[in-house]
């Protein structure tokens, strides 16, 4: 902590750990950082939602039919999904690619 201003110094800020877990009916995918060739695969069913947050330089493949997909605060991220019941939301992102292999 910077004693003069009472704020954390940038040297003490640690990168957040990557998360990919199913919590109830929601897949939480956070802080996934890749080198452009990293691929993450998730298997879903119709009652599950996928929430992707703070991903960078990664390709996420969603297999099965998802209820809803939300992509938030991500950069250079590609999402490939089989099918979708509801909506695909993109919020606060740049340079993203979306590909549907089935029906929306």
PDB file of N, CA and C in Angstrom:
ATOM      1  N   UNK A   1       0.856  -1.188   0.000  1.00  0.00           N
ATOM      2  CA  UNK A   1       0.000   0.000   0.000  1.00  0.00           C
ATOM      3  C   UNK A   1       0.885   1.229   0.000  1.00  0.00           C
ATOM      4  N   UNK A   2       0.523   2.158  -0.820  1.00  0.00           N
ATOM      5  CA  UNK A   2       1.239   3.411  -0.887  1.00  0.00           C
ATOM      6  C   UNK A   2       0.827   4.246   0.325  1.00  0.00           C
ATOM      7  N   UNK A   3       1.745   4.432   1.271  1.00  0.00           N
ATOM      8  CA  UNK A   3       1.424   5.106   2.528  1.00  0.00           C
ATOM      9  C   UNK A   3       1.047   6.562   2.313  1.00  0.00           C
ATOM     10  N   UNK A   4       1.606   7.185   1.306  1.00  0.00           N
ATOM     11  CA  UNK A   4       1.336   8.604   1.087  1.00  0.00           C
ATOM     12  C   UNK A   4      -0.119   8.854   0.688  1.00  0.00           C
ATOM     13  N   UNK A   5      -0.686   7.991  -0.150  1.00  0.00           N
ATOM     14  CA  UNK A   5      -2.037   8.197  -0.642  1.00  0.00           C
ATOM     15  C   UNK A   5      -3.047   7.196  -0.088  1.00  0.00           C
ATOM     16  N   UNK A   6      -2.577   6.142   0.571  1.00  0.00           N
ATOM     17  CA  UNK A   6      -3.480   5.149   1.147  1.00  0.00           C
ATOM     18  C   UNK A   6      -4.130   4.238   0.111  1.00  0.00           C
ATOM     19  N   UNK A   7      -3.498   4.083  -1.044  1.00  0.00           N
ATOM     20  CA  UNK A   7      -4.033   3.214  -2.092  1.00  0.00           C
ATOM     21  C   UNK A   7      -3.032   2.106  -2.371  1.00  0.00           C
ATOM     22  N   UNK A   8      -3.484   0.964  -2.856  1.00  0.00           N
ATOM     23  CA  UNK A   8      -2.544  -0.126  -3.156  1.00  0.00           C
ATOM     24  C   UNK A   8      -1.585   0.262  -4.273  1.00  0.00           C
ATOM     25  N   UNK A   9      -0.337  -0.118  -4.136  1.00  0.00           N
ATOM     26  CA  UNK A   9       0.632   0.130  -5.203  1.00  0.00           C
ATOM     27  C   UNK A   9       0.435  -0.910  -6.294  1.00  0.00           C
ATOM     28  N   UNK A  10       0.869  -0.601  -7.494  1.00  0.00           N
ATOM     29  CA  UNK A  10       0.688  -1.529  -8.613  1.00  0.00           C
ATOM     30  C   UNK A  10       1.555  -2.762  -8.463  1.00  0.00           C
ATOM     31  N   UNK A  11       2.630  -2.676  -7.696  1.00  0.00           N
ATOM     32  CA  UNK A  11       3.504  -3.828  -7.507  1.00  0.00           C
ATOM     33  C   UNK A  11       2.833  -4.921  -6.678  1.00  0.00           C
ATOM     34  N   UNK A  12       1.866  -4.557  -5.826  1.00  0.00           N
ATOM     35  CA  UNK A  12       1.224  -5.545  -4.960  1.00  0.00           C
ATOM     36  C   UNK A  12      -0.045  -6.151  -5.567  1.00  0.00           C
ATOM     37  N   UNK A  13      -0.449  -5.685  -6.747  1.00  0.00           N
ATOM     38  CA  UNK A  13      -1.655  -6.214  -7.378  1.00  0.00           C
ATOM     39  C   UNK A  13      -1.315  -7.522  -8.079  1.00  0.00           C
ATOM     40  N   UNK A  14      -1.966  -8.606  -7.666  1.00  0.00           N
ATOM     41  CA  UNK A  14      -1.717  -9.913  -8.251  1.00  0.00           C
ATOM     42  C   UNK A  14      -2.752 -10.212  -9.316  1.00  0.00           C
ATOM     43  N   UNK A  15      -2.368 -10.904 -10.397  1.00  0.00           N
ATOM     44  CA  UNK A  15      -3.370 -11.291 -11.394  1.00  0.00           C
ATOM     45  C   UNK A  15      -4.362 -12.268 -10.784  1.00  0.00           C
ATOM     46  N   UNK A  16      -5.617 -12.128 -11.179  1.00  0.00           N
ATOM     47  CA  UNK A  16      -6.657 -13.000 -10.647  1.00  0.00           C
ATOM     48  C   UNK A  16      -6.540 -14.395 -11.248  1.00  0.00           C
ATOM     49  N   UNK A  17      -6.872 -15.385 -10.453  1.00  0.00           N
ATOM     50  CA  UNK A  17      -6.778 -16.773 -10.896  1.00  0.00           C
ATOM     51  C   UNK A  17      -7.872 -17.105 -11.907  1.00  0.00           C
ATOM     52  N   UNK A  18      -7.560 -17.923 -12.916  1.00  0.00           N
ATOM     53  CA  UNK A  18      -8.579 -18.348 -13.874  1.00  0.00           C
ATOM     54  C   UNK A  18      -9.604 -19.254 -13.204  1.00  0.00           C
ATOM     55  N   UNK A  19     -10.865 -19.073 -13.590  1.00  0.00           N
ATOM     56  CA  UNK A  19     -11.966 -19.858 -13.032  1.00  0.00           C
ATOM     57  C   UNK A  19     -12.770 -20.448 -14.186  1.00  0.00           C
ATOM     58  N   UNK A  20     -13.125 -21.721 -14.069  1.00  0.00           N
ATOM     59  CA  UNK A  20     -14.037 -22.378 -15.006  1.00  0.00           C
ATOM     60  C   UNK A  20     -14.801 -23.420 -14.207  1.00  0.00           C
ATOM     61  N   UNK A  21     -15.987 -23.035 -13.732  1.00  0.00           N
ATOM     62  CA  UNK A  21     -16.755 -23.937 -12.877  1.00  0.00           C
ATOM     63  C   UNK A  21     -18.249 -23.770 -13.101  1.00  0.00           C
ATOM     64  N   UNK A  22     -18.978 -24.834 -12.785  1.00  0.00           N
ATOM     65  CA  UNK A  22     -20.434 -24.819 -12.870  1.00  0.00           C
ATOM     66  C   UNK A  22     -20.981 -24.547 -11.478  1.00  0.00           C
ATOM     67  N   UNK A  23     -21.726 -23.434 -11.341  1.00  0.00           N
ATOM     68  CA  UNK A  23     -22.338 -23.050 -10.074  1.00  0.00           C
ATOM     69  C   UNK A  23     -23.850 -23.066 -10.290  1.00  0.00           C
ATOM     70  N   UNK A  24     -24.513 -24.073  -9.772  1.00  0.00           N
ATOM     71  CA  UNK A  24     -25.947 -24.224 -10.026  1.00  0.00           C
ATOM     72  C   UNK A  24     -26.180 -24.520 -11.492  1.00  0.00           C
ATOM     73  N   UNK A  25     -26.885 -23.608 -12.156  1.00  0.00           N
ATOM     74  CA  UNK A  25     -27.150 -23.749 -13.599  1.00  0.00           C
ATOM     75  C   UNK A  25     -26.319 -22.769 -14.430  1.00  0.00           C
ATOM     76  N   UNK A  26     -25.284 -22.174 -13.830  1.00  0.00           N
ATOM     77  CA  UNK A  26     -24.490 -21.163 -14.529  1.00  0.00           C
ATOM     78  C   UNK A  26     -23.015 -21.569 -14.578  1.00  0.00           C
ATOM     79  N   UNK A  27     -22.473 -21.609 -15.801  1.00  0.00           N
ATOM     80  CA  UNK A  27     -21.042 -21.803 -15.981  1.00  0.00           C
ATOM     81  C   UNK A  27     -20.367 -20.455 -15.798  1.00  0.00           C
ATOM     82  N   UNK A  28     -19.381 -20.378 -14.917  1.00  0.00           N
ATOM     83  CA  UNK A  28     -18.613 -19.159 -14.689  1.00  0.00           C
ATOM     84  C   UNK A  28     -17.220 -19.381 -15.275  1.00  0.00           C
ATOM     85  N   UNK A  29     -16.868 -18.577 -16.270  1.00  0.00           N
ATOM     86  CA  UNK A  29     -15.541 -18.640 -16.898  1.00  0.00           C
ATOM     87  C   UNK A  29     -14.937 -17.252 -16.761  1.00  0.00           C
ATOM     88  N   UNK A  30     -13.904 -17.130 -15.904  1.00  0.00           N
ATOM     89  CA  UNK A  30     -13.319 -15.820 -15.624  1.00  0.00           C
ATOM     90  C   UNK A  30     -11.809 -15.860 -15.721  1.00  0.00           C
ATOM     91  N   UNK A  31     -11.253 -14.714 -16.098  1.00  0.00           N
ATOM     92  CA  UNK A  31      -9.804 -14.477 -16.076  1.00  0.00           C
ATOM     93  C   UNK A  31      -9.008 -15.516 -16.855  1.00  0.00           C
ATOM     94  N   UNK A  32      -9.530 -15.946 -17.979  1.00  0.00           N
ATOM     95  CA  UNK A  32      -8.821 -16.897 -18.842  1.00  0.00           C
ATOM     96  C   UNK A  32      -7.955 -16.088 -19.807  1.00  0.00           C
ATOM     97  N   UNK A  33      -6.652 -16.225 -19.678  1.00  0.00           N
ATOM     98  CA  UNK A  33      -5.708 -15.500 -20.518  1.00  0.00           C
ATOM     99  C   UNK A  33      -4.940 -16.528 -21.349  1.00  0.00           C
ATOM    100  N   UNK A  34      -4.928 -16.332 -22.652  1.00  0.00           N
ATOM    101  CA  UNK A  34      -4.234 -17.264 -23.532  1.00  0.00           C
ATOM    102  C   UNK A  34      -3.217 -16.547 -24.395  1.00  0.00           C
ATOM    103  N   UNK A  35      -2.657 -17.279 -25.328  1.00  0.00           N
ATOM    104  CA  UNK A  35      -1.684 -16.715 -26.259  1.00  0.00           C
ATOM    105  C   UNK A  35      -2.228 -16.702 -27.679  1.00  0.00           C
ATOM    106  N   UNK A  36      -3.525 -16.853 -27.819  1.00  0.00           N
ATOM    107  CA  UNK A  36      -4.145 -16.884 -29.139  1.00  0.00           C
ATOM    108  C   UNK A  36      -4.435 -18.288 -29.621  1.00  0.00           C
ATOM    109  N   UNK A  37      -3.724 -19.283 -29.069  1.00  0.00           N
ATOM    110  CA  UNK A  37      -3.949 -20.661 -29.487  1.00  0.00           C
ATOM    111  C   UNK A  37      -4.619 -21.496 -28.390  1.00  0.00           C
ATOM    112  N   UNK A  38      -4.850 -20.916 -27.223  1.00  0.00           N
ATOM    113  CA  UNK A  38      -5.474 -21.644 -26.112  1.00  0.00           C
ATOM    114  C   UNK A  38      -6.959 -21.838 -26.395  1.00  0.00           C
ATOM    115  N   UNK A  39      -7.433 -23.072 -26.182  1.00  0.00           N
ATOM    116  CA  UNK A  39      -8.841 -23.401 -26.393  1.00  0.00           C
ATOM    117  C   UNK A  39      -9.411 -24.017 -25.123  1.00  0.00           C
ATOM    118  N   UNK A  40     -10.605 -23.557 -24.767  1.00  0.00           N
ATOM    119  CA  UNK A  40     -11.312 -24.073 -23.602  1.00  0.00           C
ATOM    120  C   UNK A  40     -12.631 -24.645 -24.085  1.00  0.00           C
ATOM    121  N   UNK A  41     -12.978 -25.852 -23.655  1.00  0.00           N
ATOM    122  CA  UNK A  41     -14.198 -26.511 -24.095  1.00  0.00           C
ATOM    123  C   UNK A  41     -15.125 -26.750 -22.909  1.00  0.00           C
ATOM    124  N   UNK A  42     -16.422 -26.444 -23.100  1.00  0.00           N
ATOM    125  CA  UNK A  42     -17.426 -26.601 -22.050  1.00  0.00           C
ATOM    126  C   UNK A  42     -18.605 -27.376 -22.629  1.00  0.00           C
ATOM    127  N   UNK A  43     -19.110 -28.348 -21.882  1.00  0.00           N
ATOM    128  CA  UNK A  43     -20.313 -29.093 -22.286  1.00  0.00           C
ATOM    129  C   UNK A  43     -21.495 -28.562 -21.484  1.00  0.00           C
ATOM    130  N   UNK A  44     -22.573 -28.166 -22.185  1.00  0.00           N
ATOM    131  CA  UNK A  44     -23.739 -27.569 -21.518  1.00  0.00           C
ATOM    132  C   UNK A  44     -25.018 -28.306 -21.917  1.00  0.00           C
ATOM    133  N   UNK A  45     -26.104 -27.999 -21.183  1.00  0.00           N
ATOM    134  CA  UNK A  45     -27.431 -28.467 -21.581  1.00  0.00           C
ATOM    135  C   UNK A  45     -28.378 -27.272 -21.624  1.00  0.00           C
ATOM    136  N   UNK A  46     -29.633 -27.504 -21.979  1.00  0.00           N
ATOM    137  CA  UNK A  46     -30.576 -26.409 -22.229  1.00  0.00           C
ATOM    138  C   UNK A  46     -30.885 -25.546 -21.007  1.00  0.00           C
ATOM    139  N   UNK A  47     -30.676 -26.028 -19.825  1.00  0.00           N
ATOM    140  CA  UNK A  47     -31.006 -25.247 -18.634  1.00  0.00           C
ATOM    141  C   UNK A  47     -29.821 -24.430 -18.117  1.00  0.00           C
ATOM    142  N   UNK A  48     -28.673 -24.515 -18.775  1.00  0.00           N
ATOM    143  CA  UNK A  48     -27.475 -23.843 -18.272  1.00  0.00           C
ATOM    144  C   UNK A  48     -27.140 -22.568 -19.037  1.00  0.00           C
ATOM    145  N   UNK A  49     -26.663 -21.578 -18.277  1.00  0.00           N
ATOM    146  CA  UNK A  49     -26.217 -20.303 -18.814  1.00  0.00           C
ATOM    147  C   UNK A  49     -24.691 -20.270 -18.728  1.00  0.00           C
ATOM    148  N   UNK A  50     -24.038 -19.609 -19.684  1.00  0.00           N
ATOM    149  CA  UNK A  50     -22.582 -19.475 -19.672  1.00  0.00           C
ATOM    150  C   UNK A  50     -22.249 -17.990 -19.529  1.00  0.00           C
ATOM    151  N   UNK A  51     -21.467 -17.662 -18.495  1.00  0.00           N
ATOM    152  CA  UNK A  51     -21.035 -16.288 -18.250  1.00  0.00           C
ATOM    153  C   UNK A  51     -19.525 -16.233 -18.365  1.00  0.00           C
ATOM    154  N   UNK A  52     -19.025 -15.497 -19.368  1.00  0.00           N
ATOM    155  CA  UNK A  52     -17.589 -15.364 -19.608  1.00  0.00           C
ATOM    156  C   UNK A  52     -17.174 -13.937 -19.267  1.00  0.00           C
ATOM    157  N   UNK A  53     -16.199 -13.791 -18.370  1.00  0.00           N
ATOM    158  CA  UNK A  53     -15.790 -12.472 -17.900  1.00  0.00           C
ATOM    159  C   UNK A  53     -14.274 -12.348 -17.921  1.00  0.00           C
ATOM    160  N   UNK A  54     -13.785 -11.222 -18.436  1.00  0.00           N
ATOM    161  CA  UNK A  54     -12.366 -10.881 -18.413  1.00  0.00           C
ATOM    162  C   UNK A  54     -11.487 -11.952 -19.072  1.00  0.00           C
ATOM    163  N   UNK A  55     -11.865 -12.377 -20.257  1.00  0.00           N
ATOM    164  CA  UNK A  55     -11.072 -13.342 -21.020  1.00  0.00           C
ATOM    165  C   UNK A  55     -10.252 -12.594 -22.067  1.00  0.00           C
ATOM    166  N   UNK A  56      -9.078 -13.119 -22.388  1.00  0.00           N
ATOM    167  CA  UNK A  56      -8.206 -12.438 -23.344  1.00  0.00           C
ATOM    168  C   UNK A  56      -7.447 -13.471 -24.168  1.00  0.00           C
ATOM    169  N   UNK A  57      -7.459 -13.305 -25.491  1.00  0.00           N
ATOM    170  CA  UNK A  57      -6.703 -14.158 -26.425  1.00  0.00           C
ATOM    171  C   UNK A  57      -7.002 -15.638 -26.248  1.00  0.00           C
ATOM    172  N   UNK A  58      -8.275 -15.998 -26.238  1.00  0.00           N
ATOM    173  CA  UNK A  58      -8.666 -17.390 -26.010  1.00  0.00           C
ATOM    174  C   UNK A  58      -9.854 -17.732 -26.906  1.00  0.00           C
ATOM    175  N   UNK A  59      -9.979 -19.014 -27.234  1.00  0.00           N
ATOM    176  CA  UNK A  59     -11.137 -19.533 -27.952  1.00  0.00           C
ATOM    177  C   UNK A  59     -11.896 -20.451 -27.016  1.00  0.00           C
ATOM    178  N   UNK A  60     -13.197 -20.191 -26.859  1.00  0.00           N
ATOM    179  CA  UNK A  60     -14.043 -21.012 -25.996  1.00  0.00           C
ATOM    180  C   UNK A  60     -15.046 -21.744 -26.878  1.00  0.00           C
ATOM    181  N   UNK A  61     -15.077 -23.071 -26.765  1.00  0.00           N
ATOM    182  CA  UNK A  61     -16.019 -23.893 -27.510  1.00  0.00           C
ATOM    183  C   UNK A  61     -17.085 -24.385 -26.545  1.00  0.00           C
ATOM    184  N   UNK A  62     -18.347 -24.081 -26.853  1.00  0.00           N
ATOM    185  CA  UNK A  62     -19.471 -24.476 -26.011  1.00  0.00           C
ATOM    186  C   UNK A  62     -20.238 -25.550 -26.755  1.00  0.00           C
ATOM    187  N   UNK A  63     -20.176 -26.789 -26.237  1.00  0.00           N
ATOM    188  CA  UNK A  63     -20.814 -27.930 -26.891  1.00  0.00           C
ATOM    189  C   UNK A  63     -22.163 -28.201 -26.239  1.00  0.00           C
ATOM    190  N   UNK A  64     -23.158 -28.447 -27.056  1.00  0.00           N
ATOM    191  CA  UNK A  64     -24.513 -28.667 -26.566  1.00  0.00           C
ATOM    192  C   UNK A  64     -25.366 -27.429 -26.798  1.00  0.00           C
ATOM    193  N   UNK A  65     -26.585 -27.456 -26.281  1.00  0.00           N
ATOM    194  CA  UNK A  65     -27.523 -26.364 -26.448  1.00  0.00           C
ATOM    195  C   UNK A  65     -27.613 -25.579 -25.149  1.00  0.00           C
ATOM    196  N   UNK A  66     -27.115 -24.342 -25.154  1.00  0.00           N
ATOM    197  CA  UNK A  66     -27.109 -23.497 -23.964  1.00  0.00           C
ATOM    198  C   UNK A  66     -28.376 -22.652 -23.912  1.00  0.00           C
ATOM    199  N   UNK A  67     -28.734 -22.226 -22.710  1.00  0.00           N
ATOM    200  CA  UNK A  67     -29.891 -21.353 -22.532  1.00  0.00           C
ATOM    201  C   UNK A  67     -29.539 -19.921 -22.903  1.00  0.00           C
ATOM    202  N   UNK A  68     -28.400 -19.427 -22.430  1.00  0.00           N
ATOM    203  CA  UNK A  68     -28.002 -18.046 -22.634  1.00  0.00           C
ATOM    204  C   UNK A  68     -26.481 -17.964 -22.534  1.00  0.00           C
ATOM    205  N   UNK A  69     -25.853 -17.057 -23.290  1.00  0.00           N
ATOM    206  CA  UNK A  69     -24.406 -16.843 -23.206  1.00  0.00           C
ATOM    207  C   UNK A  69     -24.166 -15.351 -23.042  1.00  0.00           C
ATOM    208  N   UNK A  70     -23.320 -14.996 -22.063  1.00  0.00           N
ATOM    209  CA  UNK A  70     -22.977 -13.602 -21.809  1.00  0.00           C
ATOM    210  C   UNK A  70     -21.454 -13.481 -21.867  1.00  0.00           C
ATOM    211  N   UNK A  71     -20.955 -12.575 -22.688  1.00  0.00           N
ATOM    212  CA  UNK A  71     -19.527 -12.299 -22.806  1.00  0.00           C
ATOM    213  C   UNK A  71     -19.300 -10.877 -22.313  1.00  0.00           C
ATOM    214  N   UNK A  72     -18.519 -10.726 -21.235  1.00  0.00           N
ATOM    215  CA  UNK A  72     -18.376  -9.435 -20.562  1.00  0.00           C
ATOM    216  C   UNK A  72     -16.901  -9.081 -20.376  1.00  0.00           C
ATOM    217  N   UNK A  73     -16.545  -7.851 -20.720  1.00  0.00           N
ATOM    218  CA  UNK A  73     -15.206  -7.288 -20.485  1.00  0.00           C
ATOM    219  C   UNK A  73     -14.079  -8.175 -21.005  1.00  0.00           C
ATOM    220  N   UNK A  74     -14.203  -8.629 -22.223  1.00  0.00           N
ATOM    221  CA  UNK A  74     -13.199  -9.518 -22.816  1.00  0.00           C
ATOM    222  C   UNK A  74     -12.579  -8.878 -24.055  1.00  0.00           C
ATOM    223  N   UNK A  75     -11.349  -9.311 -24.374  1.00  0.00           N
ATOM    224  CA  UNK A  75     -10.601  -8.770 -25.505  1.00  0.00           C
ATOM    225  C   UNK A  75     -10.060  -9.928 -26.326  1.00  0.00           C
ATOM    226  N   UNK A  76     -10.180  -9.818 -27.652  1.00  0.00           N
ATOM    227  CA  UNK A  76      -9.664 -10.835 -28.586  1.00  0.00           C
ATOM    228  C   UNK A  76     -10.081 -12.251 -28.174  1.00  0.00           C
ATOM    229  N   UNK A  77     -11.373 -12.427 -27.992  1.00  0.00           N
ATOM    230  CA  UNK A  77     -11.922 -13.703 -27.566  1.00  0.00           C
ATOM    231  C   UNK A  77     -12.841 -14.244 -28.658  1.00  0.00           C
ATOM    232  N   UNK A  78     -12.741 -15.542 -28.930  1.00  0.00           N
ATOM    233  CA  UNK A  78     -13.597 -16.189 -29.926  1.00  0.00           C
ATOM    234  C   UNK A  78     -14.490 -17.200 -29.207  1.00  0.00           C
ATOM    235  N   UNK A  79     -15.782 -17.176 -29.531  1.00  0.00           N
ATOM    236  CA  UNK A  79     -16.752 -18.100 -28.939  1.00  0.00           C
ATOM    237  C   UNK A  79     -17.374 -18.905 -30.072  1.00  0.00           C
ATOM    238  N   UNK A  80     -17.285 -20.223 -29.976  1.00  0.00           N
ATOM    239  CA  UNK A  80     -17.906 -21.125 -30.941  1.00  0.00           C
ATOM    240  C   UNK A  80     -18.910 -21.961 -30.161  1.00  0.00           C
ATOM    241  N   UNK A  81     -20.184 -21.922 -30.561  1.00  0.00           N
ATOM    242  CA  UNK A  81     -21.205 -22.667 -29.827  1.00  0.00           C
ATOM    243  C   UNK A  81     -22.087 -23.454 -30.783  1.00  0.00           C
ATOM    244  N   UNK A  82     -22.616 -24.583 -30.285  1.00  0.00           N
ATOM    245  CA  UNK A  82     -23.452 -25.446 -31.110  1.00  0.00           C
ATOM    246  C   UNK A  82     -24.822 -24.833 -31.356  1.00  0.00           C
ATOM    247  N   UNK A  83     -25.548 -24.565 -30.271  1.00  0.00           N
ATOM    248  CA  UNK A  83     -26.913 -24.091 -30.397  1.00  0.00           C
ATOM    249  C   UNK A  83     -27.279 -23.281 -29.166  1.00  0.00           C
ATOM    250  N   UNK A  84     -28.290 -22.413 -29.317  1.00  0.00           N
ATOM    251  CA  UNK A  84     -28.653 -21.498 -28.244  1.00  0.00           C
ATOM    252  C   UNK A  84     -30.163 -21.334 -28.184  1.00  0.00           C
ATOM    253  N   UNK A  85     -30.727 -21.434 -26.971  1.00  0.00           N
ATOM    254  CA  UNK A  85     -32.169 -21.267 -26.783  1.00  0.00           C
ATOM    255  C   UNK A  85     -32.534 -19.788 -26.738  1.00  0.00           C
ATOM    256  N   UNK A  86     -31.795 -19.009 -25.922  1.00  0.00           N
ATOM    257  CA  UNK A  86     -32.121 -17.601 -25.686  1.00  0.00           C
ATOM    258  C   UNK A  86     -31.255 -16.653 -26.483  1.00  0.00           C
ATOM    259  N   UNK A  87     -30.562 -15.766 -25.755  1.00  0.00           N
ATOM    260  CA  UNK A  87     -29.798 -14.695 -26.386  1.00  0.00           C
ATOM    261  C   UNK A  87     -28.305 -14.842 -26.132  1.00  0.00           C
ATOM    262  N   UNK A  88     -27.527 -14.167 -26.974  1.00  0.00           N
ATOM    263  CA  UNK A  88     -26.087 -14.044 -26.777  1.00  0.00           C
ATOM    264  C   UNK A  88     -25.823 -12.570 -26.540  1.00  0.00           C
ATOM    265  N   UNK A  89     -25.304 -12.227 -25.358  1.00  0.00           N
ATOM    266  CA  UNK A  89     -25.049 -10.835 -25.012  1.00  0.00           C
ATOM    267  C   UNK A  89     -23.547 -10.567 -25.018  1.00  0.00           C
ATOM    268  N   UNK A  90     -23.148  -9.437 -25.604  1.00  0.00           N
ATOM    269  CA  UNK A  90     -21.758  -9.005 -25.609  1.00  0.00           C
ATOM    270  C   UNK A  90     -21.730  -7.623 -24.970  1.00  0.00           C
ATOM    271  N   UNK A  91     -20.986  -7.507 -23.827  1.00  0.00           N
ATOM    272  CA  UNK A  91     -20.962  -6.269 -23.055  1.00  0.00           C
ATOM    273  C   UNK A  91     -19.510  -5.866 -22.792  1.00  0.00           C
ATOM    274  N   UNK A  92     -19.157  -4.618 -23.094  1.00  0.00           N
ATOM    275  CA  UNK A  92     -17.830  -4.065 -22.803  1.00  0.00           C
ATOM    276  C   UNK A  92     -16.687  -4.905 -23.376  1.00  0.00           C
ATOM    277  N   UNK A  93     -16.809  -5.336 -24.610  1.00  0.00           N
ATOM    278  CA  UNK A  93     -15.794  -6.186 -25.241  1.00  0.00           C
ATOM    279  C   UNK A  93     -15.232  -5.507 -26.482  1.00  0.00           C
ATOM    280  N   UNK A  94     -14.044  -5.955 -26.884  1.00  0.00           N
ATOM    281  CA  UNK A  94     -13.477  -5.491 -28.148  1.00  0.00           C
ATOM    282  C   UNK A  94     -12.808  -6.667 -28.857  1.00  0.00           C
ATOM    283  N   UNK A  95     -12.877  -6.666 -30.166  1.00  0.00           N
ATOM    284  CA  UNK A  95     -12.260  -7.679 -31.022  1.00  0.00           C
ATOM    285  C   UNK A  95     -12.709  -9.092 -30.673  1.00  0.00           C
ATOM    286  N   UNK A  96     -14.017  -9.306 -30.639  1.00  0.00           N
ATOM    287  CA  UNK A  96     -14.533 -10.641 -30.346  1.00  0.00           C
ATOM    288  C   UNK A  96     -15.100 -11.273 -31.608  1.00  0.00           C
ATOM    289  N   UNK A  97     -15.090 -12.603 -31.652  1.00  0.00           N
ATOM    290  CA  UNK A  97     -15.650 -13.359 -32.764  1.00  0.00           C
ATOM    291  C   UNK A  97     -16.666 -14.342 -32.212  1.00  0.00           C
ATOM    292  N   UNK A  98     -17.819 -14.426 -32.862  1.00  0.00           N
ATOM    293  CA  UNK A  98     -18.877 -15.345 -32.455  1.00  0.00           C
ATOM    294  C   UNK A  98     -19.221 -16.229 -33.637  1.00  0.00           C
ATOM    295  N   UNK A  99     -19.390 -17.535 -33.371  1.00  0.00           N
ATOM    296  CA  UNK A  99     -19.754 -18.461 -34.444  1.00  0.00           C
ATOM    297  C   UNK A  99     -20.755 -19.455 -33.906  1.00  0.00           C
ATOM    298  N   UNK A 100     -21.877 -19.572 -34.608  1.00  0.00           N
ATOM    299  CA  UNK A 100     -22.891 -20.554 -34.262  1.00  0.00           C
ATOM    300  C   UNK A 100     -22.805 -21.719 -35.247  1.00  0.00           C
ATOM    301  N   UNK A 101     -22.743 -22.932 -34.720  1.00  0.00           N
ATOM    302  CA  UNK A 101     -22.705 -24.100 -35.566  1.00  0.00           C
ATOM    303  C   UNK A 101     -24.100 -24.681 -35.802  1.00  0.00           C
ATOM    304  N   UNK A 102     -25.085 -24.175 -35.079  1.00  0.00           N
ATOM    305  CA  UNK A 102     -26.454 -24.673 -35.180  1.00  0.00           C
ATOM    306  C   UNK A 102     -27.445 -23.532 -35.239  1.00  0.00           C
ATOM    307  N   UNK A 103     -28.537 -23.691 -34.485  1.00  0.00           N
ATOM    308  CA  UNK A 103     -29.605 -22.689 -34.497  1.00  0.00           C
ATOM    309  C   UNK A 103     -29.564 -21.822 -33.244  1.00  0.00           C
ATOM    310  N   UNK A 104     -30.063 -20.611 -33.433  1.00  0.00           N
ATOM    311  CA  UNK A 104     -30.202 -19.677 -32.312  1.00  0.00           C
ATOM    312  C   UNK A 104     -31.685 -19.449 -32.064  1.00  0.00           C
TER     313      UNK A 104
END
